[in-house]
Amino acid sequence: GLLRDQVVVVTAAAGAGIGAAVVRRALE
């Protein structure tokens, strides 16, 4: 819950690299 209730924006995140991992981690 480190980012609970936050709106997060991530660029370059459609692949399988760091950006995509940040999106998933933020949701988790």
PDB file of all heavy atoms in Angstrom:
ATOM      1  N   GLY A   1       0.788  -1.226   0.000  1.00  0.00           N
ATOM      2  CA  GLY A   1       0.000   0.000   0.000  1.00  0.00           C
ATOM      3  C   GLY A   1       0.818   1.273   0.000  1.00  0.00           C
ATOM      4  O   GLY A   1       0.337   2.312   0.467  1.00  0.00           O
ATOM      5  N   LEU A   2       2.030   1.233  -0.530  1.00  0.00           N
ATOM      6  CA  LEU A   2       2.909   2.407  -0.478  1.00  0.00           C
ATOM      7  C   LEU A   2       2.396   3.584  -1.306  1.00  0.00           C
ATOM      8  O   LEU A   2       2.754   4.731  -1.040  1.00  0.00           O
ATOM      9  CB  LEU A   2       4.315   2.036  -0.943  1.00  0.00           C
ATOM     10  CG  LEU A   2       5.070   0.974  -0.133  1.00  0.00           C
ATOM     11  CD1 LEU A   2       6.479   0.812  -0.669  1.00  0.00           C
ATOM     12  CD2 LEU A   2       5.095   1.331   1.342  1.00  0.00           C
ATOM     13  N   LEU A   3       1.572   3.308  -2.312  1.00  0.00           N
ATOM     14  CA  LEU A   3       1.059   4.382  -3.171  1.00  0.00           C
ATOM     15  C   LEU A   3      -0.466   4.468  -3.097  1.00  0.00           C
ATOM     16  O   LEU A   3      -1.130   4.894  -4.048  1.00  0.00           O
ATOM     17  CB  LEU A   3       1.508   4.164  -4.620  1.00  0.00           C
ATOM     18  CG  LEU A   3       3.016   4.140  -4.859  1.00  0.00           C
ATOM     19  CD1 LEU A   3       3.321   3.945  -6.337  1.00  0.00           C
ATOM     20  CD2 LEU A   3       3.681   5.411  -4.354  1.00  0.00           C
ATOM     21  N   ARG A   4      -1.009   4.119  -1.946  1.00  0.00           N
ATOM     22  CA  ARG A   4      -2.464   4.098  -1.778  1.00  0.00           C
ATOM     23  C   ARG A   4      -3.078   5.453  -2.131  1.00  0.00           C
ATOM     24  O   ARG A   4      -2.620   6.497  -1.689  1.00  0.00           O
ATOM     25  CB  ARG A   4      -2.824   3.709  -0.343  1.00  0.00           C
ATOM     26  CG  ARG A   4      -4.317   3.508  -0.123  1.00  0.00           C
ATOM     27  CD  ARG A   4      -4.603   2.968   1.261  1.00  0.00           C
ATOM     28  NE  ARG A   4      -4.155   1.571   1.369  1.00  0.00           N
ATOM     29  CZ  ARG A   4      -3.190   1.162   2.178  1.00  0.00           C
ATOM     30  NH1 ARG A   4      -2.551   2.032   2.951  1.00  0.00           N
ATOM     31  NH2 ARG A   4      -2.867  -0.113   2.225  1.00  0.00           N
ATOM     32  N   ASP A   5      -4.114   5.409  -2.987  1.00  0.00           N
ATOM     33  CA  ASP A   5      -4.916   6.576  -3.372  1.00  0.00           C
ATOM     34  C   ASP A   5      -4.164   7.582  -4.245  1.00  0.00           C
ATOM     35  O   ASP A   5      -4.650   8.699  -4.456  1.00  0.00           O
ATOM     36  CB  ASP A   5      -5.474   7.293  -2.130  1.00  0.00           C
ATOM     37  CG  ASP A   5      -6.372   6.394  -1.302  1.00  0.00           C
ATOM     38  OD1 ASP A   5      -7.058   5.541  -1.900  1.00  0.00           O
ATOM     39  OD2 ASP A   5      -6.389   6.546  -0.073  1.00  0.00           O
ATOM     40  N   GLN A   6      -3.002   7.210  -4.768  1.00  0.00           N
ATOM     41  CA  GLN A   6      -2.235   8.111  -5.612  1.00  0.00           C
ATOM     42  C   GLN A   6      -2.586   7.903  -7.090  1.00  0.00           C
ATOM     43  O   GLN A   6      -2.884   6.795  -7.528  1.00  0.00           O
ATOM     44  CB  GLN A   6      -0.732   7.865  -5.430  1.00  0.00           C
ATOM     45  CG  GLN A   6      -0.245   7.991  -3.996  1.00  0.00           C
ATOM     46  CD  GLN A   6      -0.260   9.435  -3.533  1.00  0.00           C
ATOM     47  OE1 GLN A   6       0.537  10.255  -3.966  1.00  0.00           O
ATOM     48  NE2 GLN A   6      -1.170   9.747  -2.630  1.00  0.00           N
ATOM     49  N   VAL A   7      -2.543   9.001  -7.856  1.00  0.00           N
ATOM     50  CA  VAL A   7      -2.655   8.918  -9.312  1.00  0.00           C
ATOM     51  C   VAL A   7      -1.241   8.960  -9.873  1.00  0.00           C
ATOM     52  O   VAL A   7      -0.504   9.932  -9.662  1.00  0.00           O
ATOM     53  CB  VAL A   7      -3.500  10.071  -9.887  1.00  0.00           C
ATOM     54  CG1 VAL A   7      -3.491  10.029 -11.418  1.00  0.00           C
ATOM     55  CG2 VAL A   7      -4.933   9.986  -9.371  1.00  0.00           C
ATOM     56  N   VAL A   8      -0.859   7.902 -10.566  1.00  0.00           N
ATOM     57  CA  VAL A   8       0.513   7.731 -11.051  1.00  0.00           C
ATOM     58  C   VAL A   8       0.522   7.803 -12.574  1.00  0.00           C
ATOM     59  O   VAL A   8      -0.324   7.195 -13.235  1.00  0.00           O
ATOM     60  CB  VAL A   8       1.088   6.378 -10.583  1.00  0.00           C
ATOM     61  CG1 VAL A   8       2.514   6.200 -11.069  1.00  0.00           C
ATOM     62  CG2 VAL A   8       1.010   6.261  -9.062  1.00  0.00           C
ATOM     63  N   VAL A   9       1.482   8.529 -13.120  1.00  0.00           N
ATOM     64  CA  VAL A   9       1.662   8.610 -14.572  1.00  0.00           C
ATOM     65  C   VAL A   9       3.032   8.030 -14.912  1.00  0.00           C
ATOM     66  O   VAL A   9       4.027   8.370 -14.274  1.00  0.00           O
ATOM     67  CB  VAL A   9       1.573  10.066 -15.065  1.00  0.00           C
ATOM     68  CG1 VAL A   9       1.794  10.138 -16.578  1.00  0.00           C
ATOM     69  CG2 VAL A   9       0.216  10.679 -14.705  1.00  0.00           C
ATOM     70  N   VAL A  10       3.072   7.139 -15.905  1.00  0.00           N
ATOM     71  CA  VAL A  10       4.319   6.473 -16.289  1.00  0.00           C
ATOM     72  C   VAL A  10       4.485   6.552 -17.801  1.00  0.00           C
ATOM     73  O   VAL A  10       3.574   6.194 -18.551  1.00  0.00           O
ATOM     74  CB  VAL A  10       4.336   4.990 -15.859  1.00  0.00           C
ATOM     75  CG1 VAL A  10       5.702   4.367 -16.111  1.00  0.00           C
ATOM     76  CG2 VAL A  10       3.931   4.824 -14.405  1.00  0.00           C
ATOM     77  N   THR A  11       5.643   7.000 -18.266  1.00  0.00           N
ATOM     78  CA  THR A  11       5.914   7.034 -19.705  1.00  0.00           C
ATOM     79  C   THR A  11       6.684   5.789 -20.128  1.00  0.00           C
ATOM     80  O   THR A  11       7.333   5.131 -19.322  1.00  0.00           O
ATOM     81  CB  THR A  11       6.717   8.289 -20.094  1.00  0.00           C
ATOM     82  OG1 THR A  11       7.997   8.264 -19.437  1.00  0.00           O
ATOM     83  CG2 THR A  11       5.971   9.556 -19.714  1.00  0.00           C
ATOM     84  N   ALA A  12       6.599   5.467 -21.422  1.00  0.00           N
ATOM     85  CA  ALA A  12       7.306   4.320 -22.021  1.00  0.00           C
ATOM     86  C   ALA A  12       7.032   3.042 -21.246  1.00  0.00           C
ATOM     87  O   ALA A  12       7.932   2.406 -20.714  1.00  0.00           O
ATOM     88  CB  ALA A  12       8.808   4.589 -22.106  1.00  0.00           C
ATOM     89  N   ALA A  13       5.762   2.649 -21.202  1.00  0.00           N
ATOM     90  CA  ALA A  13       5.363   1.567 -20.302  1.00  0.00           C
ATOM     91  C   ALA A  13       4.543   0.477 -20.977  1.00  0.00           C
ATOM     92  O   ALA A  13       3.846  -0.282 -20.291  1.00  0.00           O
ATOM     93  CB  ALA A  13       4.562   2.147 -19.133  1.00  0.00           C
ATOM     94  N   ALA A  14       4.629   0.351 -22.299  1.00  0.00           N
ATOM     95  CA  ALA A  14       3.800  -0.635 -22.984  1.00  0.00           C
ATOM     96  C   ALA A  14       4.516  -1.951 -23.244  1.00  0.00           C
ATOM     97  O   ALA A  14       3.906  -2.901 -23.716  1.00  0.00           O
ATOM     98  CB  ALA A  14       3.305  -0.069 -24.311  1.00  0.00           C
ATOM     99  N   GLY A  15       5.790  -2.021 -22.953  1.00  0.00           N
ATOM    100  CA  GLY A  15       6.539  -3.234 -23.255  1.00  0.00           C
ATOM    101  C   GLY A  15       6.656  -4.166 -22.065  1.00  0.00           C
ATOM    102  O   GLY A  15       5.735  -4.309 -21.260  1.00  0.00           O
ATOM    103  N   ALA A  16       7.831  -4.793 -21.946  1.00  0.00           N
ATOM    104  CA  ALA A  16       8.077  -5.731 -20.854  1.00  0.00           C
ATOM    105  C   ALA A  16       9.239  -5.264 -19.987  1.00  0.00           C
ATOM    106  O   ALA A  16       9.808  -6.046 -19.243  1.00  0.00           O
ATOM    107  CB  ALA A  16       8.387  -7.111 -21.417  1.00  0.00           C
ATOM    108  N   GLY A  17       9.574  -3.986 -20.080  1.00  0.00           N
ATOM    109  CA  GLY A  17      10.728  -3.466 -19.364  1.00  0.00           C
ATOM    110  C   GLY A  17      10.377  -2.747 -18.079  1.00  0.00           C
ATOM    111  O   GLY A  17       9.368  -3.034 -17.433  1.00  0.00           O
ATOM    112  N   ILE A  18      11.191  -1.766 -17.726  1.00  0.00           N
ATOM    113  CA  ILE A  18      11.060  -1.078 -16.449  1.00  0.00           C
ATOM    114  C   ILE A  18       9.737  -0.324 -16.348  1.00  0.00           C
ATOM    115  O   ILE A  18       9.061  -0.373 -15.311  1.00  0.00           O
ATOM    116  CB  ILE A  18      12.253  -0.124 -16.244  1.00  0.00           C
ATOM    117  CG1 ILE A  18      13.548  -0.925 -16.085  1.00  0.00           C
ATOM    118  CG2 ILE A  18      12.034   0.769 -15.017  1.00  0.00           C
ATOM    119  CD1 ILE A  18      14.811  -0.090 -16.112  1.00  0.00           C
ATOM    120  N   GLY A  19       9.330   0.371 -17.412  1.00  0.00           N
ATOM    121  CA  GLY A  19       8.088   1.132 -17.361  1.00  0.00           C
ATOM    122  C   GLY A  19       6.890   0.265 -17.056  1.00  0.00           C
ATOM    123  O   GLY A  19       6.053   0.609 -16.200  1.00  0.00           O
ATOM    124  N   ALA A  20       6.777  -0.865 -17.743  1.00  0.00           N
ATOM    125  CA  ALA A  20       5.668  -1.785 -17.506  1.00  0.00           C
ATOM    126  C   ALA A  20       5.709  -2.327 -16.085  1.00  0.00           C
ATOM    127  O   ALA A  20       4.671  -2.501 -15.432  1.00  0.00           O
ATOM    128  CB  ALA A  20       5.709  -2.937 -18.513  1.00  0.00           C
ATOM    129  N   ALA A  21       6.912  -2.597 -15.589  1.00  0.00           N
ATOM    130  CA  ALA A  21       7.056  -3.103 -14.219  1.00  0.00           C
ATOM    131  C   ALA A  21       6.625  -2.047 -13.203  1.00  0.00           C
ATOM    132  O   ALA A  21       6.029  -2.382 -12.162  1.00  0.00           O
ATOM    133  CB  ALA A  21       8.504  -3.521 -13.967  1.00  0.00           C
ATOM    134  N   VAL A  22       6.896  -0.771 -13.486  1.00  0.00           N
ATOM    135  CA  VAL A  22       6.468   0.302 -12.585  1.00  0.00           C
ATOM    136  C   VAL A  22       4.946   0.395 -12.544  1.00  0.00           C
ATOM    137  O   VAL A  22       4.347   0.568 -11.475  1.00  0.00           O
ATOM    138  CB  VAL A  22       7.073   1.652 -13.015  1.00  0.00           C
ATOM    139  CG1 VAL A  22       6.474   2.799 -12.204  1.00  0.00           C
ATOM    140  CG2 VAL A  22       8.585   1.639 -12.836  1.00  0.00           C
ATOM    141  N   VAL A  23       4.292   0.276 -13.696  1.00  0.00           N
ATOM    142  CA  VAL A  23       2.829   0.328 -13.740  1.00  0.00           C
ATOM    143  C   VAL A  23       2.239  -0.767 -12.862  1.00  0.00           C
ATOM    144  O   VAL A  23       1.366  -0.512 -12.013  1.00  0.00           O
ATOM    145  CB  VAL A  23       2.323   0.183 -15.191  1.00  0.00           C
ATOM    146  CG1 VAL A  23       0.806   0.039 -15.209  1.00  0.00           C
ATOM    147  CG2 VAL A  23       2.748   1.380 -16.029  1.00  0.00           C
ATOM    148  N   ARG A  24       2.706  -1.985 -13.042  1.00  0.00           N
ATOM    149  CA  ARG A  24       2.186  -3.103 -12.254  1.00  0.00           C
ATOM    150  C   ARG A  24       2.481  -2.923 -10.764  1.00  0.00           C
ATOM    151  O   ARG A  24       1.622  -3.147  -9.914  1.00  0.00           O
ATOM    152  CB  ARG A  24       2.796  -4.413 -12.758  1.00  0.00           C
ATOM    153  CG  ARG A  24       2.446  -5.648 -11.922  1.00  0.00           C
ATOM    154  CD  ARG A  24       2.820  -6.923 -12.628  1.00  0.00           C
ATOM    155  NE  ARG A  24       1.956  -7.129 -13.788  1.00  0.00           N
ATOM    156  CZ  ARG A  24       0.755  -7.692 -13.714  1.00  0.00           C
ATOM    157  NH1 ARG A  24       0.264  -8.093 -12.549  1.00  0.00           N
ATOM    158  NH2 ARG A  24       0.037  -7.855 -14.808  1.00  0.00           N
ATOM    159  N   ARG A  25       3.692  -2.510 -10.445  1.00  0.00           N
ATOM    160  CA  ARG A  25       4.072  -2.324  -9.044  1.00  0.00           C
ATOM    161  C   ARG A  25       3.223  -1.233  -8.396  1.00  0.00           C
ATOM    162  O   ARG A  25       2.788  -1.370  -7.243  1.00  0.00           O
ATOM    163  CB  ARG A  25       5.548  -1.957  -8.967  1.00  0.00           C
ATOM    164  CG  ARG A  25       6.110  -1.769  -7.579  1.00  0.00           C
ATOM    165  CD  ARG A  25       6.582  -3.074  -6.976  1.00  0.00           C
ATOM    166  NE  ARG A  25       5.550  -3.798  -6.283  1.00  0.00           N
ATOM    167  CZ  ARG A  25       5.756  -4.910  -5.579  1.00  0.00           C
ATOM    168  NH1 ARG A  25       6.967  -5.440  -5.495  1.00  0.00           N
ATOM    169  NH2 ARG A  25       4.775  -5.519  -4.978  1.00  0.00           N
ATOM    170  N   ALA A  26       2.957  -0.140  -9.130  1.00  0.00           N
ATOM    171  CA  ALA A  26       2.144   0.946  -8.590  1.00  0.00           C
ATOM    172  C   ALA A  26       0.728   0.470  -8.285  1.00  0.00           C
ATOM    173  O   ALA A  26       0.143   0.820  -7.248  1.00  0.00           O
ATOM    174  CB  ALA A  26       2.115   2.114  -9.570  1.00  0.00           C
ATOM    175  N   LEU A  27       0.170  -0.336  -9.170  1.00  0.00           N
ATOM    176  CA  LEU A  27      -1.172  -0.879  -8.939  1.00  0.00           C
ATOM    177  C   LEU A  27      -1.169  -1.818  -7.737  1.00  0.00           C
ATOM    178  O   LEU A  27      -2.086  -1.789  -6.902  1.00  0.00           O
ATOM    179  CB  LEU A  27      -1.664  -1.602 -10.191  1.00  0.00           C
ATOM    180  CG  LEU A  27      -1.988  -0.694 -11.382  1.00  0.00           C
ATOM    181  CD1 LEU A  27      -2.112  -1.511 -12.660  1.00  0.00           C
ATOM    182  CD2 LEU A  27      -3.273   0.089 -11.119  1.00  0.00           C
ATOM    183  N   GLU A  28      -0.145  -2.641  -7.636  1.00  0.00           N
ATOM    184  CA  GLU A  28      -0.034  -3.548  -6.489  1.00  0.00           C
ATOM    185  C   GLU A  28       0.140  -2.784  -5.185  1.00  0.00           C
ATOM    186  O   GLU A  28      -0.261  -3.268  -4.113  1.00  0.00           O
ATOM    187  CB  GLU A  28       1.141  -4.504  -6.695  1.00  0.00           C
ATOM    188  CG  GLU A  28       0.924  -5.501  -7.817  1.00  0.00           C
ATOM    189  CD  GLU A  28       2.195  -6.268  -8.185  1.00  0.00           C
ATOM    190  OE1 GLU A  28       3.292  -5.843  -7.794  1.00  0.00           O
ATOM    191  OE2 GLU A  28       2.071  -7.299  -8.863  1.00  0.00           O
TER     192      GLU A  28
END
